[in-house]
Amino acid sequence: MRESEFEAKFGKMVKRLGGLSYKWVSPGNAGVPDRIVCFPPGTRVHETLVEGIWFVELKSTKGRLTPRQVHQHDLLRQRMARVLTLWPDTPQVPVSRQFMKAVCLYRARLSLEVNTATPPRTEVQSVHVCMDFEEV
């Protein structure tokens, strides 16, 4: 799936969940995530709280993060921003469960980094989650 198709389906999925999805273009700041996603207070997906603001990088099935994207994502995370990277390659799992998994993995990684006081590691900075946007 092309990234543009993935972005369109992602936006529809967020809207179905009651959220807002904004395309983020930041002149002079190459590598920022594709989307800023906002969910209202109390928004839950399969009992997982997903409220608040998320920065989301969407990739094609074979897409990879560039070094500049990794750097920009690290800068956001160092400022307590929530950043996820998502790929569309497992149509068997409903999108809501996959997004929930991404949020849970994000929180687990954050908890590990806080509890161990270790600096963030680049190889665990992106959550690889497969998403199919046909179901919510």
N, C-alpha and C. Protein backbone atom coordinates (compact mmCIF):
# COMPACT_ATOMS: atom_id res chain seq x y z
N MET A 1 0.84 -1.18 0.00
CA MET A 1 0.00 0.00 0.00
C MET A 1 0.88 1.24 0.00
N ARG A 2 0.52 2.22 -0.83
CA ARG A 2 1.26 3.48 -0.86
C ARG A 2 0.99 4.28 0.41
N GLU A 3 1.96 5.13 0.76
CA GLU A 3 1.82 5.93 1.98
C GLU A 3 0.62 6.87 1.90
N SER A 4 0.35 7.43 0.72
CA SER A 4 -0.79 8.35 0.59
C SER A 4 -2.12 7.63 0.84
N GLU A 5 -2.25 6.39 0.36
CA GLU A 5 -3.46 5.60 0.62
C GLU A 5 -3.59 5.30 2.11
N PHE A 6 -2.46 4.96 2.71
CA PHE A 6 -2.43 4.65 4.13
C PHE A 6 -2.85 5.87 4.96
N GLU A 7 -2.35 7.06 4.59
CA GLU A 7 -2.71 8.28 5.31
C GLU A 7 -4.21 8.56 5.23
N ALA A 8 -4.79 8.36 4.04
CA ALA A 8 -6.23 8.60 3.87
C ALA A 8 -7.04 7.66 4.75
N LYS A 9 -6.68 6.38 4.78
CA LYS A 9 -7.40 5.41 5.60
C LYS A 9 -7.19 5.67 7.08
N PHE A 10 -5.98 6.08 7.44
CA PHE A 10 -5.69 6.39 8.83
C PHE A 10 -6.57 7.54 9.31
N GLY A 11 -6.68 8.59 8.49
CA GLY A 11 -7.52 9.74 8.86
C GLY A 11 -8.97 9.35 9.08
N LYS A 12 -9.49 8.48 8.23
CA LYS A 12 -10.87 8.00 8.39
C LYS A 12 -11.03 7.20 9.68
N MET A 13 -10.04 6.38 9.99
CA MET A 13 -10.09 5.58 11.21
C MET A 13 -10.10 6.49 12.44
N VAL A 14 -9.25 7.50 12.47
CA VAL A 14 -9.18 8.42 13.61
C VAL A 14 -10.52 9.15 13.76
N LYS A 15 -11.10 9.58 12.65
CA LYS A 15 -12.38 10.28 12.70
C LYS A 15 -13.47 9.37 13.27
N ARG A 16 -13.48 8.09 12.88
CA ARG A 16 -14.46 7.15 13.41
C ARG A 16 -14.34 6.98 14.92
N LEU A 17 -13.11 7.17 15.42
CA LEU A 17 -12.88 7.05 16.86
C LEU A 17 -13.14 8.37 17.59
N GLY A 18 -13.58 9.40 16.87
CA GLY A 18 -13.89 10.68 17.48
C GLY A 18 -12.72 11.63 17.58
N GLY A 19 -11.61 11.28 16.91
CA GLY A 19 -10.42 12.11 16.99
C GLY A 19 -10.25 13.04 15.81
N LEU A 20 -9.19 13.81 15.85
CA LEU A 20 -8.81 14.72 14.76
C LEU A 20 -7.44 14.29 14.26
N SER A 21 -7.23 14.36 12.96
CA SER A 21 -5.94 13.99 12.37
C SER A 21 -5.50 15.10 11.44
N TYR A 22 -4.40 15.76 11.79
CA TYR A 22 -3.88 16.87 11.00
C TYR A 22 -2.59 16.47 10.31
N LYS A 23 -2.50 16.80 9.03
CA LYS A 23 -1.25 16.62 8.29
C LYS A 23 -0.27 17.67 8.81
N TRP A 24 0.92 17.22 9.21
CA TRP A 24 1.89 18.15 9.76
C TRP A 24 2.97 18.44 8.73
N VAL A 25 3.07 19.70 8.33
CA VAL A 25 4.12 20.17 7.45
C VAL A 25 4.85 21.27 8.22
N SER A 26 6.14 21.10 8.42
CA SER A 26 6.90 22.07 9.20
C SER A 26 8.11 22.54 8.38
N PRO A 27 7.96 23.64 7.63
CA PRO A 27 9.06 24.13 6.80
C PRO A 27 10.35 24.31 7.60
N GLY A 28 11.43 23.82 7.05
CA GLY A 28 12.72 23.93 7.72
C GLY A 28 12.99 22.84 8.73
N ASN A 29 12.05 21.90 8.88
CA ASN A 29 12.19 20.81 9.85
C ASN A 29 11.90 19.47 9.18
N ALA A 30 12.74 19.08 8.27
CA ALA A 30 12.55 17.81 7.58
C ALA A 30 12.55 16.66 8.58
N GLY A 31 11.70 15.68 8.33
CA GLY A 31 11.68 14.49 9.16
C GLY A 31 10.66 14.47 10.28
N VAL A 32 9.84 15.53 10.41
CA VAL A 32 8.81 15.50 11.45
C VAL A 32 7.76 14.46 11.09
N PRO A 33 7.05 13.90 12.08
CA PRO A 33 6.01 12.89 11.79
C PRO A 33 4.93 13.44 10.85
N ASP A 34 4.27 12.53 10.13
CA ASP A 34 3.26 12.90 9.15
C ASP A 34 2.02 13.53 9.75
N ARG A 35 1.59 13.05 10.90
CA ARG A 35 0.30 13.44 11.45
C ARG A 35 0.39 13.84 12.91
N ILE A 36 -0.47 14.79 13.28
CA ILE A 36 -0.72 15.09 14.68
C ILE A 36 -2.15 14.62 14.92
N VAL A 37 -2.32 13.67 15.83
CA VAL A 37 -3.62 13.07 16.09
C VAL A 37 -4.06 13.43 17.50
N CYS A 38 -5.30 13.92 17.62
CA CYS A 38 -5.84 14.35 18.91
C CYS A 38 -7.11 13.58 19.22
N PHE A 39 -7.15 12.96 20.40
CA PHE A 39 -8.34 12.25 20.85
C PHE A 39 -8.91 12.96 22.08
N PRO A 40 -10.25 13.02 22.18
CA PRO A 40 -10.85 13.69 23.34
C PRO A 40 -10.60 12.92 24.63
N PRO A 41 -10.74 13.60 25.78
CA PRO A 41 -10.55 12.95 27.08
C PRO A 41 -11.45 11.71 27.19
N GLY A 42 -10.89 10.66 27.73
CA GLY A 42 -11.65 9.44 27.96
C GLY A 42 -11.75 8.50 26.77
N THR A 43 -11.18 8.86 25.63
CA THR A 43 -11.25 7.99 24.45
C THR A 43 -10.54 6.68 24.74
N ARG A 44 -11.25 5.59 24.51
CA ARG A 44 -10.69 4.26 24.74
C ARG A 44 -10.86 3.41 23.50
N VAL A 45 -9.86 2.57 23.27
CA VAL A 45 -9.90 1.58 22.20
C VAL A 45 -9.66 0.24 22.87
N HIS A 46 -10.69 -0.61 22.89
CA HIS A 46 -10.60 -1.91 23.57
C HIS A 46 -10.05 -1.75 24.98
N GLU A 47 -10.64 -0.85 25.74
CA GLU A 47 -10.29 -0.59 27.14
C GLU A 47 -8.94 0.11 27.34
N THR A 48 -8.23 0.42 26.27
CA THR A 48 -6.96 1.13 26.39
C THR A 48 -7.19 2.61 26.16
N LEU A 49 -6.77 3.42 27.11
CA LEU A 49 -6.94 4.87 27.02
C LEU A 49 -5.99 5.42 25.96
N VAL A 50 -6.55 6.13 24.97
CA VAL A 50 -5.73 6.71 23.90
C VAL A 50 -5.93 8.22 23.80
N GLU A 51 -6.52 8.83 24.84
CA GLU A 51 -6.79 10.26 24.81
C GLU A 51 -5.51 11.07 24.64
N GLY A 52 -5.68 12.29 24.21
CA GLY A 52 -4.55 13.20 24.12
C GLY A 52 -3.98 13.33 22.73
N ILE A 53 -2.77 13.84 22.67
CA ILE A 53 -2.12 14.17 21.41
C ILE A 53 -1.02 13.16 21.11
N TRP A 54 -1.01 12.68 19.86
CA TRP A 54 -0.01 11.71 19.38
C TRP A 54 0.59 12.23 18.08
N PHE A 55 1.89 12.08 17.93
CA PHE A 55 2.56 12.35 16.66
C PHE A 55 2.72 11.00 15.99
N VAL A 56 2.23 10.88 14.75
CA VAL A 56 2.22 9.59 14.08
C VAL A 56 2.93 9.67 12.74
N GLU A 57 3.91 8.81 12.55
CA GLU A 57 4.60 8.66 11.28
C GLU A 57 3.99 7.45 10.59
N LEU A 58 3.51 7.63 9.37
CA LEU A 58 2.91 6.55 8.60
C LEU A 58 3.86 6.15 7.49
N LYS A 59 4.06 4.86 7.32
CA LYS A 59 4.97 4.35 6.30
C LYS A 59 4.24 3.42 5.35
N SER A 60 4.77 3.29 4.15
CA SER A 60 4.25 2.29 3.23
C SER A 60 4.67 0.92 3.76
N THR A 61 4.17 -0.11 3.15
CA THR A 61 4.47 -1.46 3.62
C THR A 61 5.97 -1.71 3.75
N LYS A 62 6.75 -1.22 2.80
CA LYS A 62 8.20 -1.46 2.82
C LYS A 62 8.99 -0.23 3.26
N GLY A 63 8.31 0.81 3.70
CA GLY A 63 8.97 2.05 4.08
C GLY A 63 9.82 1.92 5.34
N ARG A 64 10.86 2.73 5.40
CA ARG A 64 11.77 2.75 6.56
C ARG A 64 11.96 4.19 7.02
N LEU A 65 12.27 4.37 8.28
CA LEU A 65 12.58 5.70 8.80
C LEU A 65 13.95 6.15 8.31
N THR A 66 14.03 7.41 7.90
CA THR A 66 15.33 7.97 7.52
C THR A 66 16.06 8.40 8.80
N PRO A 67 17.37 8.58 8.73
CA PRO A 67 18.08 9.08 9.91
C PRO A 67 17.53 10.42 10.40
N ARG A 68 17.09 11.28 9.49
CA ARG A 68 16.53 12.58 9.89
C ARG A 68 15.21 12.39 10.64
N GLN A 69 14.39 11.44 10.19
CA GLN A 69 13.14 11.15 10.89
C GLN A 69 13.41 10.61 12.29
N VAL A 70 14.37 9.71 12.41
CA VAL A 70 14.73 9.17 13.73
C VAL A 70 15.17 10.31 14.64
N HIS A 71 15.96 11.23 14.11
CA HIS A 71 16.44 12.37 14.90
C HIS A 71 15.27 13.25 15.36
N GLN A 72 14.37 13.59 14.44
CA GLN A 72 13.22 14.44 14.79
C GLN A 72 12.32 13.75 15.82
N HIS A 73 12.10 12.44 15.65
CA HIS A 73 11.28 11.69 16.61
C HIS A 73 11.94 11.69 17.98
N ASP A 74 13.27 11.52 18.01
CA ASP A 74 13.99 11.57 19.28
C ASP A 74 13.85 12.93 19.96
N LEU A 75 13.95 14.01 19.17
CA LEU A 75 13.79 15.36 19.74
C LEU A 75 12.41 15.52 20.38
N LEU A 76 11.38 15.03 19.71
CA LEU A 76 10.03 15.12 20.27
C LEU A 76 9.91 14.28 21.54
N ARG A 77 10.43 13.07 21.53
CA ARG A 77 10.34 12.18 22.70
C ARG A 77 11.10 12.76 23.91
N GLN A 78 12.22 13.42 23.64
CA GLN A 78 12.97 14.04 24.72
C GLN A 78 12.18 15.14 25.40
N ARG A 79 11.15 15.61 24.72
CA ARG A 79 10.27 16.65 25.28
C ARG A 79 8.93 16.08 25.71
N MET A 80 8.91 14.77 25.96
CA MET A 80 7.75 14.04 26.47
C MET A 80 6.60 13.91 25.47
N ALA A 81 6.87 14.11 24.19
CA ALA A 81 5.84 13.91 23.16
C ALA A 81 5.69 12.41 22.91
N ARG A 82 4.48 12.03 22.53
CA ARG A 82 4.18 10.62 22.22
C ARG A 82 4.25 10.44 20.71
N VAL A 83 5.21 9.63 20.26
CA VAL A 83 5.47 9.43 18.84
C VAL A 83 5.34 7.95 18.50
N LEU A 84 4.54 7.65 17.47
CA LEU A 84 4.38 6.28 16.99
C LEU A 84 4.70 6.23 15.50
N THR A 85 5.26 5.11 15.05
CA THR A 85 5.45 4.85 13.63
C THR A 85 4.64 3.61 13.28
N LEU A 86 3.83 3.71 12.23
CA LEU A 86 2.91 2.62 11.88
C LEU A 86 3.10 2.18 10.43
N TRP A 87 3.02 0.87 10.18
CA TRP A 87 3.11 0.28 8.86
C TRP A 87 1.83 -0.53 8.58
N PRO A 88 1.31 -0.54 7.34
CA PRO A 88 0.08 -1.27 7.01
C PRO A 88 0.31 -2.64 6.39
N ASP A 89 0.63 -3.66 7.17
CA ASP A 89 0.87 -4.93 6.50
C ASP A 89 0.26 -6.17 7.14
N THR A 90 -0.72 -6.05 7.99
CA THR A 90 -1.42 -7.22 8.51
C THR A 90 -2.92 -6.98 8.50
N PRO A 91 -3.58 -7.32 7.39
CA PRO A 91 -5.00 -7.04 7.29
C PRO A 91 -5.89 -7.91 8.18
N GLN A 92 -5.35 -8.97 8.79
CA GLN A 92 -6.18 -9.86 9.61
C GLN A 92 -6.57 -9.23 10.95
N VAL A 93 -5.81 -8.26 11.42
CA VAL A 93 -6.06 -7.69 12.75
C VAL A 93 -6.78 -6.35 12.60
N PRO A 94 -7.91 -6.15 13.27
CA PRO A 94 -8.64 -4.88 13.17
C PRO A 94 -7.78 -3.70 13.61
N VAL A 95 -7.98 -2.56 12.95
CA VAL A 95 -7.18 -1.37 13.23
C VAL A 95 -7.25 -0.96 14.68
N SER A 96 -8.40 -1.08 15.30
CA SER A 96 -8.51 -0.63 16.69
C SER A 96 -7.59 -1.45 17.60
N ARG A 97 -7.51 -2.74 17.37
CA ARG A 97 -6.61 -3.57 18.20
C ARG A 97 -5.15 -3.24 17.91
N GLN A 98 -4.83 -2.95 16.67
CA GLN A 98 -3.44 -2.63 16.32
C GLN A 98 -3.02 -1.28 16.90
N PHE A 99 -3.92 -0.30 16.86
CA PHE A 99 -3.60 0.99 17.45
C PHE A 99 -3.44 0.84 18.96
N MET A 100 -4.31 0.05 19.57
CA MET A 100 -4.21 -0.23 21.00
C MET A 100 -2.86 -0.86 21.32
N LYS A 101 -2.43 -1.80 20.50
CA LYS A 101 -1.14 -2.46 20.72
C LYS A 101 0.00 -1.44 20.65
N ALA A 102 -0.08 -0.52 19.68
CA ALA A 102 0.95 0.51 19.54
C ALA A 102 1.02 1.38 20.79
N VAL A 103 -0.14 1.76 21.30
CA VAL A 103 -0.19 2.61 22.50
C VAL A 103 0.38 1.84 23.70
N CYS A 104 0.02 0.59 23.85
CA CYS A 104 0.53 -0.22 24.97
C CYS A 104 2.04 -0.40 24.87
N LEU A 105 2.55 -0.67 23.68
CA LEU A 105 4.00 -0.81 23.50
C LEU A 105 4.72 0.50 23.80
N TYR A 106 4.12 1.60 23.38
CA TYR A 106 4.69 2.91 23.67
C TYR A 106 4.80 3.12 25.18
N ARG A 107 3.71 2.84 25.90
CA ARG A 107 3.71 3.04 27.35
C ARG A 107 4.69 2.11 28.06
N ALA A 108 4.80 0.89 27.58
CA ALA A 108 5.74 -0.06 28.19
C ALA A 108 7.17 0.41 27.98
N ARG A 109 7.48 0.90 26.79
CA ARG A 109 8.83 1.39 26.51
C ARG A 109 9.13 2.61 27.36
N LEU A 110 8.16 3.52 27.48
CA LEU A 110 8.35 4.73 28.29
C LEU A 110 8.58 4.35 29.75
N SER A 111 7.80 3.42 30.26
CA SER A 111 7.95 2.97 31.64
C SER A 111 9.33 2.37 31.87
N LEU A 112 9.79 1.57 30.92
CA LEU A 112 11.11 0.94 31.03
C LEU A 112 12.20 2.00 31.07
N GLU A 113 12.11 3.00 30.18
CA GLU A 113 13.12 4.06 30.13
C GLU A 113 13.12 4.88 31.40
N VAL A 114 11.95 5.17 31.95
CA VAL A 114 11.87 5.97 33.18
C VAL A 114 12.38 5.16 34.36
N ASN A 115 11.98 3.89 34.46
CA ASN A 115 12.35 3.08 35.61
C ASN A 115 13.82 2.67 35.62
N THR A 116 14.44 2.59 34.45
CA THR A 116 15.84 2.17 34.41
C THR A 116 16.78 3.36 34.27
N ALA A 117 16.23 4.54 34.03
CA ALA A 117 17.03 5.76 33.87
C ALA A 117 18.08 5.61 32.79
N THR A 118 17.76 4.86 31.74
CA THR A 118 18.70 4.70 30.63
C THR A 118 18.28 5.63 29.50
N PRO A 119 19.26 6.11 28.73
CA PRO A 119 18.91 6.98 27.62
C PRO A 119 18.13 6.20 26.56
N PRO A 120 17.26 6.87 25.81
CA PRO A 120 16.50 6.18 24.77
C PRO A 120 17.42 5.56 23.74
N ARG A 121 17.04 4.39 23.26
CA ARG A 121 17.83 3.70 22.24
C ARG A 121 17.10 3.80 20.92
N THR A 122 17.83 4.15 19.87
CA THR A 122 17.24 4.39 18.56
C THR A 122 16.46 3.19 18.06
N GLU A 123 16.98 1.97 18.26
CA GLU A 123 16.32 0.81 17.69
C GLU A 123 14.98 0.48 18.32
N VAL A 124 14.66 1.06 19.49
CA VAL A 124 13.35 0.81 20.09
C VAL A 124 12.47 2.07 20.07
N GLN A 125 12.87 3.07 19.32
CA GLN A 125 12.12 4.31 19.32
C GLN A 125 10.85 4.24 18.49
N SER A 126 10.79 3.36 17.52
CA SER A 126 9.61 3.27 16.68
C SER A 126 8.87 1.98 16.98
N VAL A 127 7.58 2.09 17.07
CA VAL A 127 6.74 0.93 17.31
C VAL A 127 6.27 0.43 15.95
N HIS A 128 6.65 -0.78 15.59
CA HIS A 128 6.24 -1.33 14.29
C HIS A 128 4.93 -2.06 14.49
N VAL A 129 3.85 -1.44 14.04
CA VAL A 129 2.54 -2.01 14.20
C VAL A 129 1.87 -2.08 12.84
N CYS A 130 1.32 -3.22 12.54
CA CYS A 130 0.64 -3.41 11.27
C CYS A 130 -0.82 -2.99 11.44
N MET A 131 -1.32 -2.25 10.47
CA MET A 131 -2.68 -1.73 10.60
C MET A 131 -3.51 -1.98 9.36
N ASP A 132 -4.76 -2.35 9.55
CA ASP A 132 -5.74 -2.48 8.49
C ASP A 132 -6.89 -1.56 8.85
N PHE A 133 -7.22 -0.61 7.99
CA PHE A 133 -8.17 0.42 8.34
C PHE A 133 -9.61 0.10 7.95
N GLU A 134 -9.89 -1.10 7.55
CA GLU A 134 -11.25 -1.42 7.15
C GLU A 134 -12.15 -1.62 8.35
N GLU A 135 -11.60 -2.00 9.51
CA GLU A 135 -12.42 -2.22 10.70
C GLU A 135 -11.97 -1.28 11.81
N VAL A 136 -12.92 -0.87 12.63
CA VAL A 136 -12.58 -0.04 13.80
C VAL A 136 -13.25 -0.64 15.00
